[in-house]
Protein backbone atom coordinates (compact mmCIF):
# COMPACT_ATOMS: atom_id res chain seq x y z
CA UNK A 1 -42.27 -32.62 -75.42
CA UNK A 2 -44.34 -34.33 -78.09
CA UNK A 3 -47.68 -36.05 -77.46
CA UNK A 4 -46.23 -39.57 -77.55
CA UNK A 5 -43.55 -38.73 -74.96
CA UNK A 6 -46.17 -37.04 -72.77
CA UNK A 7 -48.35 -40.16 -72.84
CA UNK A 8 -45.35 -42.34 -72.04
CA UNK A 9 -44.46 -40.08 -69.09
CA UNK A 10 -48.06 -40.30 -67.82
CA UNK A 11 -47.94 -44.14 -67.96
CA UNK A 12 -44.64 -44.20 -66.08
CA UNK A 13 -45.91 -41.74 -63.46
CA UNK A 14 -49.03 -43.89 -62.90
CA UNK A 15 -46.84 -46.96 -62.35
CA UNK A 16 -44.50 -45.09 -59.97
CA UNK A 17 -47.46 -43.93 -57.86
CA UNK A 18 -48.39 -47.60 -57.25
CA UNK A 19 -44.96 -48.67 -55.98
CA UNK A 20 -44.14 -49.50 -52.36
CA UNK A 21 -41.30 -47.70 -50.57
CA UNK A 22 -38.91 -50.59 -51.31
CA UNK A 23 -39.94 -50.69 -54.97
CA UNK A 24 -39.47 -46.92 -55.25
CA UNK A 25 -35.96 -47.30 -53.83
CA UNK A 26 -35.25 -49.90 -56.50
CA UNK A 27 -36.70 -47.69 -59.27
CA UNK A 28 -34.56 -44.80 -58.04
CA UNK A 29 -31.46 -47.02 -58.11
CA UNK A 30 -32.28 -47.95 -61.72
CA UNK A 31 -32.67 -44.30 -62.71
CA UNK A 32 -29.50 -43.31 -60.87
CA UNK A 33 -27.53 -45.95 -62.80
CA UNK A 34 -29.07 -44.83 -66.06
CA UNK A 35 -28.46 -41.10 -65.58
CA UNK A 36 -25.52 -40.84 -63.21
CA UNK A 37 -22.78 -38.44 -64.14
CA UNK A 38 -20.59 -39.96 -61.43
CA UNK A 39 -17.17 -40.81 -62.78
CA UNK A 40 -16.24 -44.38 -62.04
CA UNK A 41 -13.14 -46.18 -63.24
CA UNK A 42 -15.40 -47.42 -66.04
CA UNK A 43 -18.50 -46.08 -67.74
CA UNK A 44 -20.68 -49.17 -67.85
CA UNK A 45 -24.45 -49.12 -67.27
CA UNK A 46 -24.79 -52.73 -66.06
CA UNK A 47 -21.82 -52.27 -63.75
CA UNK A 48 -23.42 -49.14 -62.27
CA UNK A 49 -26.83 -50.81 -61.94
CA UNK A 50 -25.31 -53.86 -60.20
CA UNK A 51 -23.32 -51.43 -58.01
CA UNK A 52 -19.95 -52.78 -59.08
CA UNK A 53 -17.05 -50.67 -57.91
CA UNK A 54 -13.35 -50.95 -58.61
CA UNK A 55 -10.60 -50.22 -56.14
CA UNK A 56 -7.12 -50.97 -57.47
CA UNK A 57 -7.33 -54.46 -58.97
CA UNK A 58 -10.34 -55.60 -56.90
CA UNK A 59 -14.00 -55.27 -57.84
CA UNK A 60 -16.92 -55.40 -55.43
CA UNK A 61 -20.62 -55.80 -56.07
CA UNK A 62 -23.07 -54.73 -53.40
CA UNK A 63 -25.72 -57.40 -52.89
CA UNK A 64 -29.35 -56.33 -52.87
CA UNK A 65 -32.60 -56.47 -54.79
CA UNK A 66 -30.80 -55.68 -58.06
CA UNK A 67 -28.67 -58.85 -57.73
CA UNK A 68 -30.88 -61.39 -55.98
CA UNK A 69 -32.69 -64.39 -57.41
CA UNK A 70 -35.98 -66.00 -56.35
CA UNK A 71 -34.31 -67.42 -53.21
CA UNK A 72 -32.77 -64.15 -52.03
CA UNK A 73 -29.16 -64.98 -52.91
CA UNK A 74 -26.96 -63.55 -55.66
CA UNK A 75 -28.39 -64.49 -59.05
CA UNK A 76 -25.96 -66.44 -61.24
CA UNK A 77 -26.13 -63.87 -64.03
CA UNK A 78 -25.18 -61.07 -61.65
CA UNK A 79 -22.19 -63.07 -60.36
CA UNK A 80 -21.23 -63.89 -63.96
CA UNK A 81 -21.49 -60.19 -64.89
CA UNK A 82 -19.26 -59.27 -61.94
CA UNK A 83 -16.58 -61.68 -63.20
CA UNK A 84 -16.91 -60.53 -66.83
CA UNK A 85 -16.72 -56.84 -65.92
CA UNK A 86 -13.85 -57.39 -63.46
CA UNK A 87 -11.75 -59.34 -65.94
CA UNK A 88 -12.52 -57.02 -68.84
CA UNK A 89 -11.66 -53.81 -67.02
CA UNK A 90 -8.65 -55.42 -65.34
CA UNK A 91 -7.35 -56.30 -68.82
CA UNK A 92 -8.10 -52.82 -70.16
CA UNK A 93 -5.97 -51.36 -67.37
CA UNK A 94 -3.02 -53.62 -68.27
CA UNK A 95 -3.03 -52.78 -72.01
CA UNK A 96 -2.34 -49.71 -74.14
CA UNK A 97 -5.42 -47.50 -74.51
CA UNK A 98 -5.87 -48.23 -78.22
CA UNK A 99 -6.50 -51.96 -77.63
CA UNK A 100 -10.16 -52.98 -77.21
CA UNK A 101 -11.10 -55.99 -75.10
CA UNK A 102 -13.96 -58.36 -75.95
CA UNK A 103 -15.12 -61.53 -74.20
CA UNK A 104 -14.73 -64.56 -76.45
CA UNK A 105 -15.60 -67.22 -73.88
CA UNK A 106 -16.36 -67.21 -70.17
CA UNK A 107 -17.05 -70.25 -68.01
CA UNK A 108 -18.09 -70.09 -64.40
CA UNK A 109 -18.15 -72.66 -61.65
CA UNK A 110 -20.54 -71.74 -58.84
CA UNK A 111 -19.27 -73.09 -55.54
CA UNK A 112 -21.65 -71.69 -52.93
CA UNK A 113 -24.55 -69.26 -52.68
CA UNK A 114 -23.60 -65.59 -52.91
CA UNK A 115 -24.74 -64.11 -49.63
CA UNK A 116 -23.68 -61.27 -47.37
CA UNK A 117 -23.31 -57.56 -47.97
CA UNK A 118 -21.15 -57.80 -51.09
CA UNK A 119 -19.14 -60.05 -53.38
CA UNK A 120 -15.51 -59.33 -54.26
CA UNK A 121 -13.91 -60.28 -57.58
CA UNK A 122 -10.19 -60.90 -57.92
CA UNK A 123 -9.24 -61.13 -61.62
CA UNK A 124 -5.91 -62.36 -62.93
CA UNK A 125 -4.23 -63.01 -66.26
CA UNK A 126 -2.98 -66.52 -66.95
CA UNK A 127 -1.70 -65.75 -70.45
CA UNK A 128 -1.43 -62.48 -72.35
CA UNK A 129 -0.89 -63.02 -76.05
CA UNK A 130 -0.94 -60.73 -79.05
CA UNK A 131 -4.64 -61.28 -79.90
CA UNK A 132 -6.07 -63.18 -76.93
CA UNK A 133 -5.75 -63.37 -73.18
CA UNK A 134 -6.63 -66.30 -70.93
CA UNK A 135 -7.87 -65.20 -67.53
CA UNK A 136 -9.46 -66.29 -64.30
CA UNK A 137 -11.46 -64.56 -61.63
CA UNK A 138 -12.25 -65.68 -58.11
CA UNK A 139 -15.42 -64.38 -56.45
CA UNK A 140 -15.50 -64.20 -52.64
CA UNK A 141 -18.26 -63.20 -50.21
CA UNK A 142 -17.77 -60.76 -47.34
CA UNK A 143 -16.55 -63.65 -45.13
CA UNK A 144 -13.74 -64.40 -47.64
CA UNK A 145 -15.41 -67.68 -48.69
CA UNK A 146 -15.00 -68.69 -52.33
CA UNK A 147 -18.39 -68.33 -54.06
CA UNK A 148 -17.44 -68.87 -57.71
CA UNK A 149 -14.52 -69.12 -60.08
CA UNK A 150 -14.53 -67.99 -63.70
CA UNK A 151 -12.18 -68.80 -66.55
CA UNK A 152 -12.25 -66.70 -69.69
CA UNK A 153 -10.69 -66.02 -73.03
CA UNK A 154 -10.72 -62.43 -74.23
CA UNK A 155 -10.01 -61.03 -77.70
CA UNK A 156 -7.57 -58.15 -77.86
CA UNK A 157 -8.48 -56.00 -80.87
CA UNK A 158 -5.55 -53.90 -81.93
CA UNK A 159 -5.95 -50.91 -84.24
CA UNK A 160 -5.52 -51.60 -87.93
CA UNK A 161 -2.77 -49.71 -89.67
């Protein structure tokens, strides 16, 4: 380890020693997401940090400190990320492996505060073209109440011949 890395490690260690139990749990969650070797249906740092999991065609995001805003409910960006990740990986699963999927546009309507233990995303394809796909994604809380609805257009990049 070089001197610069050693100094950086000392600064990080000093900060960690000052954290509360809850803050240490959060720091550990961050490090787990960064370094996990766990195989998920997708290898996506933000998805791992936000604790997004995929089961069949449904995606869930555990609510907690990593997702909450100032008022203790799901932060809009976290809900937006859930929809973006759910739609993107849902599309990837529907297409041949050589096609890459990129978000061109994503709009979200927030309907109610994201509260509870988790949020569940249900993505669907409205139109699947040769180069773009139009999609939607409904986000529900753990009481099956609609929290948000996203509409997106995704670019389908096919290999060049």
